[in-house]
C-alpha cells in the first residue's frame, strides 16, 4: 500500500470506511519510506493550514495502530523504475515493493496505478 491510502484513513477522508473495510484481514506491506511520506504529508498540511498540530498528532496516533509491515527496498532497482517511468523515487519504491513481494498495489494515485499495470502488477480497485 502507498501513503495515499494511509493518509485517507488517518485524515478521515470520505473514503476512509471503504478503505478500512477493503483491508480487513489483509496483510499490509509497504516500503519503509512510506513512514516518512506520512510525516511529510502532514507537515505540508500543517503548513497550508489544513490541519492543526493537535489533529496531526491524533492522526499519527491512529497511524501507529495500522498493522503495516515495513520492508526494505533496493535503492538502485527503485531508481531504475523511477527513470523508466519518469516518477519520483518514493513512487518507485512502492512499485519495487509490489514486484519484490509479488503483491497487489493498493493506491488512490491513478498515475501510480497506471504504471503498476504497465509493469504487470495487480492493482486493487478503489
N, C-alpha and C. Protein backbone atom coordinates (compact mmCIF):
# COMPACT_ATOMS: atom_id res chain seq x y z
N UNK A 1 0.84 -1.18 0.00
CA UNK A 1 0.00 0.00 0.00
C UNK A 1 0.88 1.23 0.00
N UNK A 2 0.32 2.30 -0.55
CA UNK A 2 1.09 3.53 -0.58
C UNK A 2 0.54 4.53 0.44
N UNK A 3 1.20 5.66 0.53
CA UNK A 3 0.84 6.67 1.51
C UNK A 3 -0.55 7.25 1.28
N UNK A 4 -1.02 7.28 0.02
CA UNK A 4 -2.33 7.86 -0.25
C UNK A 4 -3.44 7.13 0.51
N UNK A 5 -3.33 5.83 0.61
CA UNK A 5 -4.33 5.04 1.33
C UNK A 5 -4.28 5.35 2.82
N UNK A 6 -3.08 5.34 3.37
CA UNK A 6 -2.91 5.59 4.80
C UNK A 6 -3.40 6.98 5.17
N UNK A 7 -3.02 7.97 4.39
CA UNK A 7 -3.42 9.34 4.69
C UNK A 7 -4.93 9.49 4.61
N UNK A 8 -5.56 8.88 3.62
CA UNK A 8 -7.02 8.95 3.51
C UNK A 8 -7.69 8.39 4.76
N UNK A 9 -7.12 7.33 5.30
CA UNK A 9 -7.70 6.70 6.50
C UNK A 9 -7.46 7.56 7.74
N UNK A 10 -6.22 7.95 7.98
CA UNK A 10 -5.92 8.65 9.24
C UNK A 10 -6.35 10.12 9.22
N UNK A 11 -6.58 10.67 8.02
CA UNK A 11 -7.07 12.06 7.92
C UNK A 11 -8.59 12.10 7.81
N UNK A 12 -9.23 10.96 8.00
CA UNK A 12 -10.69 10.85 7.97
C UNK A 12 -11.30 11.38 6.67
N UNK A 13 -10.68 11.03 5.56
CA UNK A 13 -11.21 11.41 4.25
C UNK A 13 -12.50 10.62 3.99
N UNK A 14 -13.34 11.08 3.07
CA UNK A 14 -14.63 10.42 2.83
C UNK A 14 -14.54 8.93 2.51
N UNK A 15 -13.44 8.48 1.90
CA UNK A 15 -13.33 7.07 1.55
C UNK A 15 -12.78 6.19 2.68
N UNK A 16 -12.61 6.75 3.86
CA UNK A 16 -11.99 6.02 4.98
C UNK A 16 -12.67 4.68 5.26
N UNK A 17 -13.96 4.67 5.47
CA UNK A 17 -14.65 3.43 5.87
C UNK A 17 -14.52 2.36 4.80
N UNK A 18 -14.63 2.76 3.55
CA UNK A 18 -14.49 1.79 2.45
C UNK A 18 -13.07 1.21 2.44
N UNK A 19 -12.06 2.06 2.64
CA UNK A 19 -10.68 1.59 2.63
C UNK A 19 -10.40 0.65 3.79
N UNK A 20 -10.91 0.99 4.96
CA UNK A 20 -10.73 0.13 6.14
C UNK A 20 -11.38 -1.22 5.88
N UNK A 21 -12.59 -1.20 5.33
CA UNK A 21 -13.29 -2.44 5.02
C UNK A 21 -12.50 -3.29 4.02
N UNK A 22 -11.93 -2.63 3.02
CA UNK A 22 -11.20 -3.35 1.97
C UNK A 22 -9.91 -4.00 2.50
N UNK A 23 -9.35 -3.47 3.57
CA UNK A 23 -8.09 -4.01 4.09
C UNK A 23 -8.28 -4.99 5.25
N UNK A 24 -9.50 -5.17 5.69
CA UNK A 24 -9.75 -6.12 6.79
C UNK A 24 -9.22 -7.49 6.42
N UNK A 25 -8.38 -8.03 7.28
CA UNK A 25 -7.86 -9.37 7.09
C UNK A 25 -6.69 -9.47 6.11
N UNK A 26 -6.33 -8.37 5.49
CA UNK A 26 -5.21 -8.39 4.52
C UNK A 26 -3.89 -8.14 5.24
N UNK A 27 -2.83 -8.73 4.70
CA UNK A 27 -1.50 -8.41 5.20
C UNK A 27 -1.06 -7.15 4.48
N UNK A 28 -0.83 -6.09 5.24
CA UNK A 28 -0.45 -4.81 4.66
C UNK A 28 1.06 -4.66 4.70
N UNK A 29 1.63 -4.42 3.52
CA UNK A 29 3.07 -4.19 3.43
C UNK A 29 3.32 -2.88 2.70
N UNK A 30 4.46 -2.29 2.99
CA UNK A 30 4.85 -1.05 2.34
C UNK A 30 6.36 -0.89 2.49
N UNK A 31 6.97 -0.15 1.57
CA UNK A 31 8.39 0.14 1.77
C UNK A 31 8.54 1.05 2.99
N UNK A 32 9.67 0.96 3.65
CA UNK A 32 9.90 1.76 4.85
C UNK A 32 9.75 3.25 4.60
N UNK A 33 9.95 3.69 3.37
CA UNK A 33 9.86 5.10 3.02
C UNK A 33 8.46 5.68 3.26
N UNK A 34 7.43 4.86 3.25
CA UNK A 34 6.07 5.34 3.45
C UNK A 34 5.94 6.03 4.80
N UNK A 35 6.64 5.53 5.79
CA UNK A 35 6.61 6.13 7.12
C UNK A 35 6.99 7.61 7.05
N UNK A 36 8.02 7.93 6.30
CA UNK A 36 8.49 9.32 6.20
C UNK A 36 7.56 10.13 5.30
N UNK A 37 6.95 9.50 4.33
CA UNK A 37 5.99 10.20 3.47
C UNK A 37 4.79 10.69 4.27
N UNK A 38 4.38 9.90 5.24
CA UNK A 38 3.26 10.29 6.10
C UNK A 38 3.62 11.57 6.85
N UNK A 39 4.80 11.59 7.43
CA UNK A 39 5.26 12.80 8.13
C UNK A 39 5.33 14.00 7.22
N UNK A 40 5.86 13.81 6.03
CA UNK A 40 5.97 14.90 5.08
C UNK A 40 4.59 15.42 4.66
N UNK A 41 3.66 14.51 4.42
CA UNK A 41 2.31 14.92 4.02
C UNK A 41 1.64 15.75 5.11
N UNK A 42 1.78 15.32 6.35
CA UNK A 42 1.15 16.07 7.43
C UNK A 42 1.85 17.39 7.70
N UNK A 43 3.16 17.46 7.51
CA UNK A 43 3.83 18.75 7.68
C UNK A 43 3.36 19.71 6.59
N UNK A 44 3.14 19.21 5.37
CA UNK A 44 2.62 20.06 4.29
C UNK A 44 1.20 20.53 4.61
N UNK A 45 0.37 19.64 5.15
CA UNK A 45 -1.00 20.03 5.50
C UNK A 45 -1.00 21.09 6.59
N UNK A 46 -0.10 20.96 7.56
CA UNK A 46 0.00 21.98 8.61
C UNK A 46 0.47 23.31 8.02
N UNK A 47 1.45 23.26 7.17
CA UNK A 47 2.00 24.47 6.54
C UNK A 47 0.91 25.22 5.77
N UNK A 48 0.01 24.47 5.13
CA UNK A 48 -1.08 25.08 4.35
C UNK A 48 -2.29 25.44 5.21
N UNK A 49 -2.23 25.14 6.50
CA UNK A 49 -3.32 25.46 7.40
C UNK A 49 -4.51 24.53 7.30
N UNK A 50 -4.31 23.35 6.69
CA UNK A 50 -5.41 22.38 6.54
C UNK A 50 -5.68 21.61 7.82
N UNK A 51 -4.63 21.43 8.64
CA UNK A 51 -4.77 20.71 9.91
C UNK A 51 -3.96 21.42 10.98
N UNK A 52 -4.36 21.21 12.21
CA UNK A 52 -3.61 21.74 13.35
C UNK A 52 -2.61 20.69 13.83
N UNK A 53 -1.72 21.11 14.70
CA UNK A 53 -0.77 20.14 15.27
C UNK A 53 -1.52 19.10 16.09
N UNK A 54 -2.60 19.49 16.75
CA UNK A 54 -3.39 18.54 17.53
C UNK A 54 -4.03 17.49 16.63
N UNK A 55 -4.59 17.92 15.52
CA UNK A 55 -5.18 16.98 14.56
C UNK A 55 -4.11 16.07 13.97
N UNK A 56 -2.96 16.65 13.71
CA UNK A 56 -1.85 15.87 13.15
C UNK A 56 -1.41 14.79 14.13
N UNK A 57 -1.23 15.15 15.38
CA UNK A 57 -0.78 14.17 16.38
C UNK A 57 -1.82 13.08 16.60
N UNK A 58 -3.09 13.43 16.53
CA UNK A 58 -4.14 12.41 16.64
C UNK A 58 -4.09 11.47 15.44
N UNK A 59 -3.90 12.03 14.25
CA UNK A 59 -3.81 11.20 13.04
C UNK A 59 -2.61 10.26 13.12
N UNK A 60 -1.49 10.77 13.62
CA UNK A 60 -0.28 9.94 13.73
C UNK A 60 -0.49 8.83 14.75
N UNK A 61 -1.21 9.15 15.82
CA UNK A 61 -1.53 8.10 16.80
C UNK A 61 -2.37 7.00 16.14
N UNK A 62 -3.34 7.39 15.32
CA UNK A 62 -4.16 6.42 14.58
C UNK A 62 -3.31 5.63 13.59
N UNK A 63 -2.39 6.32 12.95
CA UNK A 63 -1.48 5.68 12.00
C UNK A 63 -0.71 4.54 12.66
N UNK A 64 -0.24 4.77 13.87
CA UNK A 64 0.54 3.75 14.58
C UNK A 64 -0.29 2.51 14.93
N UNK A 65 -1.61 2.61 14.82
CA UNK A 65 -2.48 1.47 15.11
C UNK A 65 -2.67 0.56 13.89
N UNK A 66 -2.27 1.03 12.72
CA UNK A 66 -2.45 0.24 11.50
C UNK A 66 -1.33 -0.81 11.40
N UNK A 67 -1.68 -2.08 11.29
CA UNK A 67 -0.65 -3.13 11.27
C UNK A 67 0.03 -3.28 9.90
N UNK A 68 0.99 -2.41 9.65
CA UNK A 68 1.72 -2.43 8.38
C UNK A 68 3.11 -3.02 8.62
N UNK A 69 3.51 -3.92 7.75
CA UNK A 69 4.86 -4.46 7.81
C UNK A 69 5.71 -3.66 6.83
N UNK A 70 6.70 -2.95 7.36
CA UNK A 70 7.57 -2.11 6.54
C UNK A 70 8.76 -2.93 6.07
N UNK A 71 9.06 -2.79 4.78
CA UNK A 71 10.09 -3.61 4.15
C UNK A 71 11.17 -2.75 3.51
N UNK A 72 12.38 -3.28 3.50
CA UNK A 72 13.48 -2.61 2.83
C UNK A 72 13.39 -2.89 1.33
N UNK A 73 13.68 -1.89 0.55
CA UNK A 73 13.63 -1.99 -0.91
C UNK A 73 14.98 -1.54 -1.46
N UNK A 74 15.46 -2.23 -2.48
CA UNK A 74 16.74 -1.89 -3.09
C UNK A 74 16.66 -0.52 -3.77
N UNK A 75 17.54 0.38 -3.38
CA UNK A 75 17.54 1.74 -3.90
C UNK A 75 17.85 1.77 -5.40
N UNK A 76 18.86 1.03 -5.82
CA UNK A 76 19.24 1.02 -7.23
C UNK A 76 18.14 0.52 -8.12
N UNK A 77 17.52 -0.61 -7.76
CA UNK A 77 16.42 -1.15 -8.56
C UNK A 77 15.25 -0.17 -8.62
N UNK A 78 15.01 0.52 -7.52
CA UNK A 78 13.93 1.50 -7.48
C UNK A 78 14.22 2.69 -8.38
N UNK A 79 15.47 3.12 -8.42
CA UNK A 79 15.82 4.26 -9.26
C UNK A 79 15.75 3.92 -10.75
N UNK A 80 15.99 2.67 -11.08
CA UNK A 80 15.80 2.24 -12.47
C UNK A 80 14.33 2.39 -12.85
N UNK A 81 13.44 1.99 -11.95
CA UNK A 81 11.99 2.14 -12.18
C UNK A 81 11.64 3.62 -12.29
N UNK A 82 12.18 4.43 -11.39
CA UNK A 82 11.90 5.87 -11.41
C UNK A 82 12.29 6.49 -12.74
N UNK A 83 13.46 6.13 -13.24
CA UNK A 83 13.94 6.65 -14.52
C UNK A 83 13.05 6.17 -15.66
N UNK A 84 12.76 4.88 -15.68
CA UNK A 84 11.98 4.29 -16.77
C UNK A 84 10.57 4.88 -16.87
N UNK A 85 9.96 5.18 -15.72
CA UNK A 85 8.57 5.65 -15.71
C UNK A 85 8.45 7.15 -15.43
N UNK A 86 9.59 7.84 -15.32
CA UNK A 86 9.56 9.28 -15.12
C UNK A 86 8.84 9.69 -13.85
N UNK A 87 9.17 9.02 -12.75
CA UNK A 87 8.48 9.28 -11.49
C UNK A 87 9.47 9.55 -10.38
N UNK A 88 8.97 10.03 -9.27
CA UNK A 88 9.79 10.23 -8.08
C UNK A 88 10.15 8.88 -7.47
N UNK A 89 11.26 8.88 -6.75
CA UNK A 89 11.74 7.65 -6.12
C UNK A 89 10.70 7.07 -5.16
N UNK A 90 9.99 7.91 -4.41
CA UNK A 90 9.01 7.39 -3.45
C UNK A 90 7.97 6.51 -4.14
N UNK A 91 7.53 6.91 -5.32
CA UNK A 91 6.57 6.08 -6.06
C UNK A 91 7.22 4.80 -6.58
N UNK A 92 8.47 4.93 -7.01
CA UNK A 92 9.19 3.75 -7.50
C UNK A 92 9.41 2.73 -6.37
N UNK A 93 9.62 3.21 -5.15
CA UNK A 93 9.78 2.29 -4.01
C UNK A 93 8.53 1.43 -3.84
N UNK A 94 7.37 2.06 -4.00
CA UNK A 94 6.09 1.34 -3.88
C UNK A 94 6.00 0.24 -4.93
N UNK A 95 6.33 0.60 -6.16
CA UNK A 95 6.26 -0.39 -7.24
C UNK A 95 7.28 -1.50 -7.05
N UNK A 96 8.48 -1.15 -6.62
CA UNK A 96 9.52 -2.17 -6.38
C UNK A 96 9.08 -3.11 -5.27
N UNK A 97 8.46 -2.59 -4.26
CA UNK A 97 7.95 -3.41 -3.15
C UNK A 97 6.92 -4.41 -3.67
N UNK A 98 5.98 -3.93 -4.48
CA UNK A 98 4.95 -4.81 -5.03
C UNK A 98 5.57 -5.90 -5.90
N UNK A 99 6.57 -5.52 -6.70
CA UNK A 99 7.24 -6.51 -7.55
C UNK A 99 7.98 -7.55 -6.71
N UNK A 100 8.80 -7.05 -5.79
CA UNK A 100 9.64 -7.94 -4.99
C UNK A 100 8.82 -8.95 -4.19
N UNK A 101 7.71 -8.49 -3.64
CA UNK A 101 6.92 -9.36 -2.77
C UNK A 101 5.68 -9.92 -3.46
N UNK A 102 5.63 -9.77 -4.80
CA UNK A 102 4.53 -10.29 -5.62
C UNK A 102 3.18 -9.96 -4.99
N UNK A 103 3.04 -8.67 -4.72
CA UNK A 103 1.85 -8.17 -4.04
C UNK A 103 1.08 -7.23 -4.95
N UNK A 104 -0.21 -7.17 -4.77
CA UNK A 104 -1.02 -6.20 -5.49
C UNK A 104 -0.76 -4.81 -4.91
N UNK A 105 -0.97 -3.80 -5.72
CA UNK A 105 -0.81 -2.41 -5.28
C UNK A 105 -2.16 -1.86 -4.85
N UNK A 106 -2.17 -1.23 -3.69
CA UNK A 106 -3.36 -0.59 -3.16
C UNK A 106 -3.06 0.90 -3.07
N UNK A 107 -3.66 1.70 -3.94
CA UNK A 107 -3.36 3.12 -4.02
C UNK A 107 -4.57 3.92 -4.49
N UNK A 108 -4.57 5.20 -4.16
CA UNK A 108 -5.55 6.13 -4.70
C UNK A 108 -4.93 6.97 -5.82
N UNK A 109 -3.65 6.76 -6.06
CA UNK A 109 -2.90 7.53 -7.05
C UNK A 109 -3.07 6.90 -8.44
N UNK A 110 -3.83 7.54 -9.29
CA UNK A 110 -4.15 6.98 -10.61
C UNK A 110 -2.90 6.77 -11.46
N UNK A 111 -1.99 7.73 -11.43
CA UNK A 111 -0.77 7.61 -12.25
C UNK A 111 0.09 6.43 -11.77
N UNK A 112 0.17 6.26 -10.47
CA UNK A 112 0.93 5.14 -9.93
C UNK A 112 0.26 3.82 -10.32
N UNK A 113 -1.04 3.77 -10.25
CA UNK A 113 -1.78 2.56 -10.64
C UNK A 113 -1.55 2.23 -12.11
N UNK A 114 -1.54 3.24 -12.97
CA UNK A 114 -1.29 3.01 -14.39
C UNK A 114 0.11 2.45 -14.63
N UNK A 115 1.11 2.99 -13.94
CA UNK A 115 2.47 2.47 -14.07
C UNK A 115 2.53 1.03 -13.58
N UNK A 116 1.84 0.73 -12.48
CA UNK A 116 1.82 -0.63 -11.95
C UNK A 116 1.25 -1.60 -12.98
N UNK A 117 0.17 -1.23 -13.60
CA UNK A 117 -0.45 -2.10 -14.60
C UNK A 117 0.50 -2.33 -15.78
N UNK A 118 1.23 -1.29 -16.19
CA UNK A 118 2.22 -1.46 -17.25
C UNK A 118 3.31 -2.44 -16.85
N UNK A 119 3.59 -2.54 -15.56
CA UNK A 119 4.61 -3.45 -15.05
C UNK A 119 4.04 -4.81 -14.68
N UNK A 120 2.78 -5.05 -15.04
CA UNK A 120 2.09 -6.31 -14.73
C UNK A 120 1.93 -6.54 -13.23
N UNK A 121 1.73 -5.46 -12.49
CA UNK A 121 1.43 -5.53 -11.06
C UNK A 121 -0.08 -5.40 -10.93
N UNK A 122 -0.70 -6.31 -10.20
CA UNK A 122 -2.14 -6.21 -9.95
C UNK A 122 -2.42 -4.96 -9.13
N UNK A 123 -3.52 -4.29 -9.42
CA UNK A 123 -3.91 -3.09 -8.70
C UNK A 123 -5.27 -3.35 -8.07
N UNK A 124 -5.39 -3.05 -6.80
CA UNK A 124 -6.67 -3.18 -6.09
C UNK A 124 -7.51 -1.99 -6.51
N UNK A 125 -8.69 -2.24 -7.04
CA UNK A 125 -9.60 -1.18 -7.46
C UNK A 125 -10.23 -0.54 -6.23
N UNK A 126 -10.14 0.77 -6.18
CA UNK A 126 -10.70 1.51 -5.04
C UNK A 126 -11.94 2.25 -5.47
